[in-house]
Each structure stands twice: as C-alpha cells, then as structure tokens.
Amino acid sequence: MVSRVIPVDPFDLVVFGATGDLATRKILPGLYRRFFAGQIPDGARIIGAARSEMDADAFRAQVRAAIDDHVGAAKRDPAQIDAFLANLDYVAVDAMGDEGWAPLKALVHPDRVNAFYFSVAPALFGPLAERLHAHGIATPDSRIVVEKPFGRDLTSARALNATLAEHFEEHQIYRIDHYLGKETVQNLMAVRFANILFEPLWNAQFVDHVQITVAETVGVGGRGSYYDKSGAMRDMVQNHMMQLLCLIAMEPPYHFDPDAVRDEKLKVIRALQPVVASDIVRGQYLGTRSRGTDCDTAQPGYLQDSENPDSRTESYVALKCHVANWRWTGTPFYLRTGKRLRARTSEIAITFKEPPHSIFDEADETWRENVLVIRLQPNEGMNLKMMIKEPGPGGMRLVQVPLDMSFAEALGEEGADIPDAYERLIMDVIRGNQTLFMRGDEVEAAWAWTDPIIAGWEARGDKPQPYDSGSSGPEDALMLMHRDGRRWREIRE
C-alpha cells in the first residue's frame, strides 16, 4: 500500500514556548518527521519564540538535540536534519510586554499562511492574542493553536473564549486535544460511517454497554502541584474521554465537514444526563514499599507526589453515564481513568447484547458477548470477539475467538509508521481543517456537564478511596459494574 503524501504551500509557524517540554518532546520533532515525509516544503518557516535569550543557531542546536532524543534512528538523516534546521529561526519574546515583537513581525510573511502555536500556560493565551494584533502580526487568515487545559470550569472557559474572541474569529481558533489526532480515534469514524456492517447495530437495541478506559502506569510525579488543582476529572474526563464518548455516540453527520462533525458531538454532550453520586468512584494511589523493609518507600503515593498531605484530589475516577436520546437510552457508558494502574492502555470496548434465542445446548455456559475493542495505545488497532465452533469432534462446542487487526500488521510499513497525533493535528492547522479540533461551544458544554459532578463531591466532602499502585483501581469501581451484572475489562498491555 502506497501512502499518499499531500504537501502544503510554504507557511510560517510560530511556536510560543519553543524551549518548553511539549515543544521539545512533541511539536518540533513532529515537524521534522513531517519534513522527512515530504509534507513540509523547503520554503516553510518555523520560528521559535520564548523568554530565553538565545540566537537562532543556539535554538537550532536545541532542536537538533530534540530530534536525536525523540526521533527514531531510521529517520535521523543528517542531510534532512540540516535542511530542516535551515528553515528554523528564533526570537526572544516577552509575552507580557513589548520586547521582541518587532523582530518577530519582521520574520512573519503576511502574504502566506501563518499559524501561532500557544505552547504556554493558559494564563498567557490572552496576552499573546492581544499582542499579535497590537503589533500587526496577525492577519484575518492567521490561525492560533491553544493547548489544554482550556479553563478549569465553565466560568473560566467562557472567559477564555471571550478573550480569544476579542482578537480572533472562531474559524481561526484551533483548540487542540491530541487524542483526536490518534489514528485509531479517526478510524472509529471510518468503521462506523464507511461500513454498513456496524452502523445498523450501533444503538441501544443491540449494544449492551460501552467501556472507555485510559489507564496509566506513571504517577503525577513532577506535575504534583499542577495536578492537585486539576485531578483526573478535569485532566482526562472533561476533554479526552468526553471526545471519545462523543465519537462513539454521535449521529452520522451530513458530511465529513468540520462544523457538521462538531455539531453532532455537541448534541451528545448536551444529551448527557447528570451523574448521581452512587455512579461515581474516586481514588488516590498509594505508595509501594521496597522489598524487605518496613518503612522505605520505593514509589511515593499521591499525597507525597502532590506535597499536600490533606489533598482530596482524585488520581482515579470511574463513572457511569447515560446519553438521553433515542439511539442510546438504556445503554450505559462506563468511563474510567487513573494513574499508577496495572498497565498503560487506552481502549474503547463496545459490548453487544446476547442473541434473543440460542439454538445450541451448551450456549448458556459457553456463550460470550460479541465485543468490538478499539485500541488507542499501545499497538493501535481493532479487535472483534466472536463465537465460533471449537474445532474437533464431540458436538457443537462454542468458543470465543478474536478477529484481531493491528495497524502495524494490516498495513505493513505504512501501518508501522503511524504519525504522532501532534504531527497530524499541526498539519491540519496549516491546511485549515478544524474537524479534529474542539469548538468553543463544545468546550463550554463539556464544562457545563462536568462542573455539577465536581461541585457535588466537594459539597459532600467525599474523600478519594486509596488503591494500590499497580492495581486496577479502587474496589468500589468493581462494584460499580458488578451491581449492574457486568464487569470491567482487565487492564493489561
């Protein structure tokens, strides 16, 4: 299978916060990989902007080191790296003042596509937007990319939307959620809407329940002070997991068009019912002790990582929610995410109902549900579990087997070389395609659903339940499923 590489016209991309962690690990190495793939023309300019005082050569040296650290050896071609670095420049800019803006303006071509990536703290979004206009750098065709968190509640999200709207139109604002750039997430839409096989069954009549799991093995680590003001609900459920739920539950859009897709996602969010307290489980991970000792801790618990011994912030959350519309009424959606769990995995599992009548004598004991599992990480792909006859004589014995498809195996070299989510999304910004980016009203609707959940447990004074590092989470999360006669899928690589 031959990959179709679609190049773009020369552009200017300014990366604010270009010396920060996100730019170093994801954005700049990802841009190099797109250059290596032939999607970025030689005339394109990538301009780093940050507080650090350095010249362009020093910035190029930093980017070269980032490529060495975060790009596989097969793509680290010295000639290609040199050609890529030749397109880079750097300006020291004061986001809260006027220094550096005149040199930046001199580097940006107003007659080509120019985009500005705000890889900075949300507090700087407004000042950057204001100064891009005050210094005449932004044009009516400019695009800005803003990272999460996009507010921490409905009030702050509305304020941030209003601030950006003072300087940019909605079609210019790209609110990035890297989960939507994952190949499997986009393939979820292809599976649903490009195949007749699943869509007729994609409703409450045939789907028993849906599980969405995002599990991590790491703790909050050096992000403790930030995470303690956020928690799993704000950090993962309100954005990443909400987007996955929307793609599963949304109606078919009239066309694969940015606003058509986002209109349907917005309808899902607005159809979400309030979540009652009994359908929510929160947890905090405990530390692990070194073998053979009574007091030494091999890994700190959440309270040590957050440096707040009285913290009630959750590192784990599981909840059951319902989409109140004709398609999904009666089908529960179970969401769970957490730190320091047994394995790192992200997946969506659609479990179908059992057949209305069994013709097989042993079916009651051997029957298992048909389950469509969509793996986001690791090893992106899809798995459909079906019942077949077990080989051999001795009657009709049923056994469940997977029809397994990993992109790496099914698509050969192309499947093994799946672009990072940031690579795809940045190129969508340059092409002006907002399909995989959140709209302002979508963000606000998500917060309008999330805020009462958070306010409820704060008003009740709920404390997160402790759970062991390396486990599958708190015991009550198991009961959330068991009382419905269901069970969580095992968390494993």
Protein backbone atom coordinates (compact mmCIF):
# COMPACT_ATOMS: atom_id res chain seq x y z
CA MET A 1 0.00 0.00 0.00
CA VAL A 2 1.46 3.35 -1.02
CA SER A 3 0.96 6.29 1.34
CA ARG A 4 -0.33 9.45 -0.26
CA VAL A 5 1.80 12.36 0.93
CA ILE A 6 -0.06 15.63 0.48
CA PRO A 7 2.36 18.58 0.62
CA VAL A 8 1.29 22.07 1.57
CA ASP A 9 2.26 25.52 0.35
CA PRO A 10 5.04 27.37 2.21
CA PHE A 11 3.84 28.66 5.58
CA ASP A 12 5.10 30.39 8.71
CA LEU A 13 4.55 28.61 12.04
CA VAL A 14 5.48 30.46 15.22
CA VAL A 15 5.81 28.23 18.29
CA PHE A 16 5.47 30.21 21.50
CA GLY A 17 7.09 28.30 24.37
CA ALA A 18 9.52 26.74 21.88
CA THR A 19 12.05 25.83 24.58
CA GLY A 20 9.47 24.10 26.78
CA ASP A 21 8.85 20.42 27.35
CA LEU A 22 5.93 19.97 24.94
CA ALA A 23 7.73 21.70 22.09
CA THR A 24 10.92 19.75 22.73
CA ARG A 25 9.28 16.31 23.03
CA LYS A 26 6.40 16.55 20.57
CA ILE A 27 5.98 19.64 18.42
CA LEU A 28 9.45 20.21 16.95
CA PRO A 29 10.41 16.52 16.48
CA GLY A 30 6.96 16.00 14.94
CA LEU A 31 7.53 18.83 12.49
CA TYR A 32 10.83 17.28 11.49
CA ARG A 33 9.12 13.94 10.84
CA ARG A 34 6.59 15.69 8.58
CA PHE A 35 9.51 17.37 6.78
CA PHE A 36 11.19 13.98 6.38
CA ALA A 37 7.91 12.62 4.93
CA GLY A 38 7.84 15.39 2.32
CA GLN A 39 4.86 17.28 3.72
CA ILE A 40 6.69 20.46 4.65
CA PRO A 41 8.23 22.42 1.76
CA ASP A 42 11.69 23.95 1.94
CA GLY A 43 10.22 27.46 1.93
CA ALA A 44 8.30 26.95 5.15
CA ARG A 45 9.49 28.84 8.22
CA ILE A 46 9.31 27.53 11.78
CA ILE A 47 10.03 30.29 14.25
CA GLY A 48 10.65 29.56 17.89
CA ALA A 49 9.59 32.20 20.41
CA ALA A 50 10.23 32.09 24.16
CA ARG A 51 11.59 34.16 27.04
CA SER A 52 15.08 32.66 26.83
CA GLU A 53 17.74 34.89 25.29
CA MET A 54 19.50 32.96 22.54
CA ASP A 55 20.30 33.31 18.87
CA ALA A 56 18.94 31.21 16.03
CA ASP A 57 21.98 28.92 15.95
CA ALA A 58 21.59 28.05 19.63
CA PHE A 59 17.91 27.28 19.05
CA ARG A 60 18.77 25.06 16.08
CA ALA A 61 21.25 23.19 18.29
CA GLN A 62 18.49 22.57 20.84
CA VAL A 63 16.15 21.30 18.14
CA ARG A 64 18.88 19.02 16.75
CA ALA A 65 19.26 17.53 20.23
CA ALA A 66 15.47 17.10 20.49
CA ILE A 67 15.44 15.24 17.16
CA ASP A 68 18.25 12.97 18.35
CA ASP A 69 16.29 12.20 21.53
CA HIS A 70 12.77 11.82 20.15
CA VAL A 71 13.05 10.66 16.52
CA GLY A 72 13.84 7.08 15.56
CA ALA A 73 17.21 6.30 14.02
CA ALA A 74 15.65 5.36 10.67
CA LYS A 75 14.56 8.96 10.14
CA ARG A 76 17.60 10.75 11.53
CA ASP A 77 19.17 11.51 8.17
CA PRO A 78 21.94 14.13 8.59
CA ALA A 79 21.20 15.86 5.29
CA GLN A 80 17.47 16.00 6.04
CA ILE A 81 18.08 17.31 9.54
CA ASP A 82 20.35 20.06 8.19
CA ALA A 83 17.74 21.01 5.58
CA PHE A 84 15.03 21.13 8.23
CA LEU A 85 17.10 23.21 10.65
CA ALA A 86 17.84 25.69 7.87
CA ASN A 87 14.15 26.63 7.95
CA LEU A 88 14.21 27.44 11.66
CA ASP A 89 14.61 30.82 13.33
CA TYR A 90 14.24 32.17 16.85
CA VAL A 91 13.12 35.34 18.60
CA ALA A 92 13.18 36.11 22.33
CA VAL A 93 9.70 37.46 23.12
CA ASP A 94 8.13 38.87 26.27
CA ALA A 95 4.55 37.61 26.29
CA MET A 96 3.52 40.19 28.90
CA GLY A 97 5.47 43.12 27.45
CA ASP A 98 6.56 44.65 24.15
CA GLU A 99 10.08 43.28 23.78
CA GLY A 100 10.76 41.01 20.82
CA TRP A 101 7.55 41.65 18.92
CA ALA A 102 9.07 43.92 16.27
CA PRO A 103 11.75 41.32 15.32
CA LEU A 104 9.04 38.65 15.23
CA LYS A 105 6.91 40.76 12.90
CA ALA A 106 9.88 41.13 10.56
CA LEU A 107 10.16 37.34 10.25
CA VAL A 108 6.48 36.54 9.57
CA HIS A 109 5.25 36.79 5.98
CA PRO A 110 1.76 38.36 5.95
CA ASP A 111 1.02 37.06 2.43
CA ARG A 112 1.18 33.33 3.31
CA VAL A 113 -0.50 31.01 5.78
CA ASN A 114 0.77 31.86 9.24
CA ALA A 115 -0.10 29.97 12.40
CA PHE A 116 0.77 30.63 16.04
CA TYR A 117 1.07 27.69 18.44
CA PHE A 118 0.48 28.72 22.09
CA SER A 119 2.54 26.01 23.81
CA VAL A 120 2.43 28.05 27.02
CA ALA A 121 0.42 28.30 30.23
CA PRO A 122 -3.26 29.23 29.67
CA ALA A 123 -2.69 32.49 31.55
CA LEU A 124 -0.62 33.67 28.56
CA PHE A 125 -3.23 32.88 25.87
CA GLY A 126 -4.94 36.25 26.22
CA PRO A 127 -1.76 38.40 26.33
CA LEU A 128 -0.32 36.58 23.30
CA ALA A 129 -3.53 37.03 21.29
CA GLU A 130 -3.68 40.70 22.24
CA ARG A 131 -0.08 41.43 21.28
CA LEU A 132 -0.24 39.57 17.97
CA HIS A 133 -2.90 42.06 16.94
CA ALA A 134 -1.47 45.11 18.70
CA HIS A 135 1.82 44.70 16.81
CA GLY A 136 0.13 43.97 13.48
CA ILE A 137 1.46 40.42 13.17
CA ALA A 138 -1.82 38.51 12.95
CA THR A 139 -3.96 38.80 9.83
CA PRO A 140 -7.62 37.82 9.19
CA ASP A 141 -6.29 34.49 7.83
CA SER A 142 -3.99 33.73 10.78
CA ARG A 143 -4.60 30.67 12.94
CA ILE A 144 -3.85 30.13 16.62
CA VAL A 145 -3.45 26.77 18.35
CA VAL A 146 -4.24 26.63 22.07
CA GLU A 147 -3.36 23.73 24.37
CA LYS A 148 -5.42 22.35 27.21
CA PRO A 149 -6.39 22.96 29.93
CA PHE A 150 -8.97 25.21 28.32
CA GLY A 151 -10.29 26.61 31.57
CA ARG A 152 -10.82 24.71 34.81
CA ASP A 153 -14.61 25.22 34.96
CA LEU A 154 -17.41 26.73 32.91
CA THR A 155 -16.80 30.27 34.14
CA SER A 156 -13.09 30.30 33.26
CA ALA A 157 -13.71 28.57 29.91
CA ARG A 158 -16.25 31.22 28.95
CA ALA A 159 -13.85 33.97 29.99
CA LEU A 160 -11.04 32.44 27.93
CA ASN A 161 -13.32 32.03 24.91
CA ALA A 162 -14.36 35.66 25.23
CA THR A 163 -10.74 36.82 25.46
CA LEU A 164 -9.72 34.95 22.32
CA ALA A 165 -12.87 36.11 20.51
CA GLU A 166 -11.81 39.73 21.04
CA HIS A 167 -8.89 39.14 18.67
CA PHE A 168 -9.69 36.06 16.55
CA GLU A 169 -12.76 34.61 14.86
CA GLU A 170 -13.89 31.10 15.79
CA HIS A 171 -12.65 29.72 12.44
CA GLN A 172 -9.16 30.92 13.37
CA ILE A 173 -9.01 29.18 16.78
CA TYR A 174 -7.77 25.57 16.99
CA ARG A 175 -8.29 24.09 20.47
CA ILE A 176 -6.09 21.03 20.35
CA ASP A 177 -6.83 17.69 22.01
CA HIS A 178 -4.10 15.30 20.95
CA TYR A 179 -6.37 12.27 21.50
CA LEU A 180 -8.35 13.28 18.42
CA GLY A 181 -5.17 13.06 16.35
CA LYS A 182 -4.67 9.38 17.13
CA GLU A 183 -5.10 7.14 14.10
CA THR A 184 -7.48 4.78 15.86
CA VAL A 185 -9.75 7.58 17.05
CA GLN A 186 -10.20 8.75 13.48
CA ASN A 187 -10.66 5.17 12.36
CA LEU A 188 -13.59 4.94 14.75
CA MET A 189 -15.44 7.30 12.41
CA ALA A 190 -14.35 5.28 9.38
CA VAL A 191 -15.51 1.99 10.93
CA ARG A 192 -18.90 3.47 11.77
CA PHE A 193 -19.64 5.52 8.69
CA ALA A 194 -17.72 3.83 5.87
CA ASN A 195 -19.01 0.30 6.53
CA ILE A 196 -22.60 -0.93 6.55
CA LEU A 197 -21.64 -3.70 8.97
CA PHE A 198 -21.74 -1.82 12.28
CA GLU A 199 -23.89 1.28 11.98
CA PRO A 200 -27.26 -0.58 11.92
CA LEU A 201 -26.23 -2.24 15.22
CA TRP A 202 -24.81 0.91 16.80
CA ASN A 203 -27.67 1.67 19.18
CA ALA A 204 -29.39 0.67 22.41
CA GLN A 205 -31.29 -2.16 20.75
CA PHE A 206 -28.08 -4.11 20.12
CA VAL A 207 -25.37 -2.57 22.35
CA ASP A 208 -25.40 -3.71 25.98
CA HIS A 209 -22.86 -1.18 27.25
CA VAL A 210 -19.72 0.76 26.33
CA GLN A 211 -16.48 0.95 28.31
CA ILE A 212 -13.86 3.66 27.80
CA THR A 213 -10.57 3.12 29.64
CA VAL A 214 -7.50 5.34 29.80
CA ALA A 215 -5.02 3.75 32.22
CA GLU A 216 -1.50 4.97 33.02
CA THR A 217 1.30 3.30 34.95
CA VAL A 218 3.01 6.58 35.92
CA GLY A 219 2.08 8.81 38.83
CA VAL A 220 1.78 12.58 38.76
CA GLY A 221 5.49 12.93 39.60
CA GLY A 222 6.84 16.42 38.98
CA ARG A 223 3.38 17.66 37.99
CA GLY A 224 2.08 17.22 41.54
CA SER A 225 1.33 20.87 42.29
CA TYR A 226 -0.47 21.32 38.95
CA TYR A 227 -2.36 18.05 39.15
CA ASP A 228 -3.56 18.77 42.66
CA LYS A 229 -5.54 21.71 41.26
CA SER A 230 -6.88 19.57 38.45
CA GLY A 231 -7.44 15.89 39.17
CA ALA A 232 -8.47 13.08 36.85
CA MET A 233 -11.93 14.53 36.18
CA ARG A 234 -10.61 17.82 34.84
CA ASP A 235 -7.41 16.43 33.36
CA MET A 236 -8.86 13.48 31.43
CA VAL A 237 -12.64 13.04 31.59
CA GLN A 238 -13.77 16.55 30.67
CA ASN A 239 -11.70 16.62 27.48
CA HIS A 240 -10.05 13.41 26.21
CA MET A 241 -12.66 10.91 27.35
CA MET A 242 -15.53 13.23 26.54
CA GLN A 243 -14.28 13.41 22.96
CA LEU A 244 -14.08 9.63 22.71
CA LEU A 245 -17.60 9.29 24.07
CA CYS A 246 -18.86 11.82 21.52
CA LEU A 247 -17.33 9.95 18.58
CA ILE A 248 -18.94 6.71 19.74
CA ALA A 249 -22.37 8.15 20.47
CA MET A 250 -22.82 10.85 17.83
CA GLU A 251 -25.24 10.64 14.92
CA PRO A 252 -23.83 10.45 11.38
CA PRO A 253 -23.01 13.98 10.19
CA TYR A 254 -24.40 15.01 6.84
CA HIS A 255 -20.83 15.34 5.55
CA PHE A 256 -17.29 14.90 6.83
CA ASP A 257 -17.08 18.62 7.42
CA PRO A 258 -15.62 20.39 10.49
CA ASP A 259 -18.80 22.04 11.70
CA ALA A 260 -21.03 19.11 10.72
CA VAL A 261 -18.93 16.72 12.84
CA ARG A 262 -18.70 19.14 15.75
CA ASP A 263 -22.44 19.86 15.64
CA GLU A 264 -23.14 16.17 16.21
CA LYS A 265 -20.59 15.92 19.03
CA LEU A 266 -22.19 18.91 20.73
CA LYS A 267 -25.59 17.20 20.63
CA VAL A 268 -24.13 14.23 22.50
CA ILE A 269 -22.68 16.40 25.27
CA ARG A 270 -25.96 18.24 25.69
CA ALA A 271 -27.80 14.90 25.89
CA LEU A 272 -25.66 13.60 28.76
CA GLN A 273 -27.72 13.10 31.90
CA PRO A 274 -26.48 14.35 35.28
CA VAL A 275 -24.41 11.73 37.10
CA VAL A 276 -25.66 10.70 40.54
CA ALA A 277 -23.24 10.27 43.45
CA SER A 278 -23.67 6.48 43.55
CA ASP A 279 -22.40 6.25 39.95
CA ILE A 280 -19.04 7.90 40.70
CA VAL A 281 -15.92 6.35 42.25
CA ARG A 282 -12.80 8.39 43.01
CA GLY A 283 -9.43 7.14 44.16
CA GLN A 284 -5.86 8.07 45.10
CA TYR A 285 -2.90 5.75 44.55
CA LEU A 286 -0.81 4.56 47.47
CA GLY A 287 2.95 4.29 47.53
CA THR A 288 4.81 1.00 47.17
CA ARG A 289 7.34 -0.21 49.71
CA SER A 290 10.79 -1.53 48.96
CA ARG A 291 11.05 -5.30 49.37
CA GLY A 292 12.46 -6.36 52.69
CA THR A 293 11.87 -3.10 54.54
CA ASP A 294 9.12 -1.83 56.76
CA CYS A 295 9.26 1.89 56.06
CA ASP A 296 11.24 2.75 52.93
CA THR A 297 9.01 3.71 50.00
CA ALA A 298 10.07 2.60 46.54
CA GLN A 299 7.44 4.79 44.86
CA PRO A 300 5.68 7.66 46.59
CA GLY A 301 1.92 7.74 46.91
CA TYR A 302 -0.24 10.53 45.55
CA LEU A 303 -0.12 12.52 48.79
CA GLN A 304 3.68 12.55 48.62
CA ASP A 305 3.74 13.43 44.91
CA SER A 306 1.28 16.29 45.39
CA GLU A 307 3.10 17.51 48.53
CA ASN A 308 -0.32 18.12 50.06
CA PRO A 309 -0.97 15.68 52.93
CA ASP A 310 -4.64 16.69 53.10
CA SER A 311 -5.34 16.51 49.37
CA ARG A 312 -8.73 15.22 48.26
CA THR A 313 -7.82 15.33 44.59
CA GLU A 314 -8.50 12.14 42.66
CA SER A 315 -5.85 10.34 40.63
CA TYR A 316 -8.53 7.85 39.54
CA VAL A 317 -12.15 8.29 38.57
CA ALA A 318 -14.77 5.87 37.28
CA LEU A 319 -18.34 6.80 36.45
CA LYS A 320 -21.44 5.57 34.71
CA CYS A 321 -23.26 7.98 32.44
CA HIS A 322 -26.21 7.91 30.08
CA VAL A 323 -26.91 9.66 26.77
CA ALA A 324 -30.57 10.64 26.81
CA ASN A 325 -31.62 10.28 23.19
CA TRP A 326 -33.47 7.74 21.04
CA ARG A 327 -30.28 5.98 19.93
CA TRP A 328 -28.76 5.34 23.35
CA THR A 329 -31.44 5.42 26.06
CA GLY A 330 -30.90 2.39 28.30
CA THR A 331 -27.28 1.77 27.27
CA PRO A 332 -24.78 2.82 29.98
CA PHE A 333 -21.38 4.29 29.17
CA TYR A 334 -18.72 3.38 31.76
CA LEU A 335 -15.66 5.64 31.88
CA ARG A 336 -12.51 5.09 33.96
CA THR A 337 -9.08 6.65 34.03
CA GLY A 338 -6.28 6.63 36.55
CA LYS A 339 -2.61 6.91 37.39
CA ARG A 340 -0.34 4.12 38.66
CA LEU A 341 -2.54 1.35 37.35
CA ARG A 342 -1.52 -2.14 36.29
CA ALA A 343 -0.72 -1.30 32.67
CA ARG A 344 -0.65 1.58 30.23
CA THR A 345 -3.59 1.17 27.91
CA SER A 346 -6.31 3.22 26.24
CA GLU A 347 -9.24 1.46 24.65
CA ILE A 348 -12.92 1.64 23.80
CA ALA A 349 -14.95 -1.57 24.17
CA ILE A 350 -18.44 -1.83 22.66
CA THR A 351 -20.18 -4.87 24.12
CA PHE A 352 -23.17 -6.16 22.14
CA LYS A 353 -26.20 -7.92 23.59
CA GLU A 354 -26.67 -11.66 23.52
CA PRO A 355 -28.79 -13.27 20.78
CA PRO A 356 -32.51 -13.26 21.64
CA HIS A 357 -32.66 -17.07 21.37
CA SER A 358 -29.98 -19.74 21.50
CA ILE A 359 -30.24 -22.85 19.35
CA PHE A 360 -27.21 -24.52 20.97
CA ASP A 361 -27.49 -26.75 24.02
CA GLU A 362 -24.26 -25.53 25.62
CA ALA A 363 -24.74 -21.88 24.79
CA ASP A 364 -25.84 -20.87 28.28
CA GLU A 365 -22.49 -21.96 29.75
CA THR A 366 -20.10 -21.13 26.94
CA TRP A 367 -21.63 -18.07 25.32
CA ARG A 368 -19.72 -14.79 25.49
CA GLU A 369 -20.74 -11.38 24.20
CA ASN A 370 -19.54 -10.02 20.89
CA VAL A 371 -17.15 -7.20 21.79
CA LEU A 372 -15.59 -4.65 19.46
CA VAL A 373 -12.39 -3.34 21.09
CA ILE A 374 -10.73 -0.26 19.65
CA ARG A 375 -7.16 0.09 20.95
CA LEU A 376 -5.73 3.59 21.08
CA GLN A 377 -2.48 2.60 22.79
CA PRO A 378 -0.32 0.63 22.77
CA ASN A 379 -0.37 -1.20 19.43
CA GLU A 380 -3.18 0.76 17.79
CA GLY A 381 -5.77 -1.43 16.17
CA MET A 382 -9.13 -3.16 16.50
CA ASN A 383 -10.31 -6.49 17.82
CA LEU A 384 -13.72 -8.13 17.32
CA LYS A 385 -14.53 -11.05 19.61
CA MET A 386 -16.94 -13.57 18.10
CA MET A 387 -18.31 -17.02 18.92
CA ILE A 388 -17.35 -19.97 16.71
CA LYS A 389 -17.42 -23.74 16.93
CA GLU A 390 -14.46 -25.19 18.76
CA PRO A 391 -12.55 -27.45 16.33
CA GLY A 392 -12.81 -31.21 16.75
CA PRO A 393 -15.43 -33.94 17.17
CA GLY A 394 -17.80 -34.29 20.06
CA GLY A 395 -20.67 -31.97 19.35
CA MET A 396 -21.22 -28.26 18.92
CA ARG A 397 -18.93 -26.67 21.49
CA LEU A 398 -18.68 -22.90 21.28
CA VAL A 399 -15.56 -20.83 21.91
CA GLN A 400 -14.87 -17.11 21.70
CA VAL A 401 -12.08 -16.04 19.33
CA PRO A 402 -10.76 -12.62 18.33
CA LEU A 403 -10.63 -11.22 14.82
CA ASP A 404 -7.56 -9.09 15.51
CA MET A 405 -6.26 -6.25 13.37
CA SER A 406 -3.29 -4.12 14.34
CA PHE A 407 -2.42 -1.28 12.00
CA ALA A 408 1.24 -2.28 12.04
CA GLU A 409 0.44 -5.77 10.73
CA ALA A 410 -2.51 -4.98 8.46
CA LEU A 411 -0.97 -2.02 6.66
CA GLY A 412 2.66 -3.10 6.52
CA GLU A 413 5.26 -0.34 6.60
CA GLU A 414 2.61 2.36 6.41
CA GLY A 415 0.79 0.95 9.43
CA ALA A 416 4.01 0.59 11.41
CA ASP A 417 4.86 4.23 10.74
CA ILE A 418 1.77 5.91 12.16
CA PRO A 419 2.34 9.65 12.62
CA ASP A 420 2.19 11.04 16.13
CA ALA A 421 -1.09 12.77 16.94
CA TYR A 422 0.61 16.17 17.14
CA GLU A 423 2.08 15.76 13.65
CA ARG A 424 -1.34 15.14 12.14
CA LEU A 425 -3.05 17.95 14.02
CA ILE A 426 -0.41 20.56 13.25
CA MET A 427 -0.65 19.77 9.55
CA ASP A 428 -4.45 20.09 9.81
CA VAL A 429 -3.92 23.59 11.23
CA ILE A 430 -1.78 24.51 8.23
CA ARG A 431 -4.42 23.10 5.86
CA GLY A 432 -7.19 24.95 7.68
CA ASN A 433 -9.09 21.79 8.68
CA GLN A 434 -10.82 22.14 12.07
CA THR A 435 -12.58 18.75 12.09
CA LEU A 436 -10.40 17.30 14.86
CA PHE A 437 -10.37 20.44 17.00
CA MET A 438 -12.86 21.50 19.66
CA ARG A 439 -15.21 24.39 19.06
CA GLY A 440 -15.86 26.97 21.77
CA ASP A 441 -19.47 25.94 22.44
CA GLU A 442 -18.36 22.30 22.64
CA VAL A 443 -15.82 23.12 25.37
CA GLU A 444 -18.38 25.11 27.34
CA ALA A 445 -21.00 22.34 27.08
CA ALA A 446 -18.47 19.81 28.41
CA TRP A 447 -17.76 22.01 31.42
CA ALA A 448 -21.48 22.58 32.00
CA TRP A 449 -21.85 18.79 32.43
CA THR A 450 -18.63 18.34 34.44
CA ASP A 451 -18.98 21.21 36.93
CA PRO A 452 -22.02 19.81 38.83
CA ILE A 453 -20.24 16.47 39.27
CA ILE A 454 -17.20 18.14 40.84
CA ALA A 455 -19.36 20.53 42.89
CA GLY A 456 -21.35 17.56 44.20
CA TRP A 457 -18.43 15.63 45.67
CA GLU A 458 -16.90 18.84 47.04
CA ALA A 459 -20.18 19.70 48.78
CA ARG A 460 -20.44 16.19 50.22
CA GLY A 461 -16.83 16.28 51.39
CA ASP A 462 -16.09 12.99 49.64
CA LYS A 463 -12.57 11.63 50.08
CA PRO A 464 -10.96 9.57 47.29
CA GLN A 465 -10.55 5.90 48.13
CA PRO A 466 -6.96 4.62 48.39
CA TYR A 467 -5.85 2.00 45.91
CA ASP A 468 -2.62 0.08 45.47
CA SER A 469 -0.18 1.14 42.79
CA GLY A 470 -0.12 -1.49 40.07
CA SER A 471 -3.73 -2.49 40.68
CA SER A 472 -6.83 -1.87 38.56
CA GLY A 473 -8.12 0.86 40.90
CA PRO A 474 -10.38 1.10 43.96
CA GLU A 475 -12.58 -1.84 44.94
CA ASP A 476 -15.73 0.25 44.65
CA ALA A 477 -15.02 0.73 40.95
CA LEU A 478 -15.50 -3.02 40.55
CA MET A 479 -18.82 -2.78 42.37
CA LEU A 480 -19.93 0.00 40.04
CA MET A 481 -20.04 -2.65 37.33
CA HIS A 482 -20.90 -5.73 39.41
CA ARG A 483 -24.16 -4.30 40.70
CA ASP A 484 -25.27 -4.00 37.06
CA GLY A 485 -24.29 -7.60 36.37
CA ARG A 486 -21.27 -6.51 34.34
CA ARG A 487 -17.52 -6.39 34.83
CA TRP A 488 -14.64 -4.18 33.73
CA ARG A 489 -12.31 -5.48 31.08
CA GLU A 490 -8.96 -6.44 32.54
CA ILE A 491 -6.35 -3.68 32.36
CA ARG A 492 -3.36 -5.10 30.53
CA GLU A 493 -0.92 -4.21 27.77
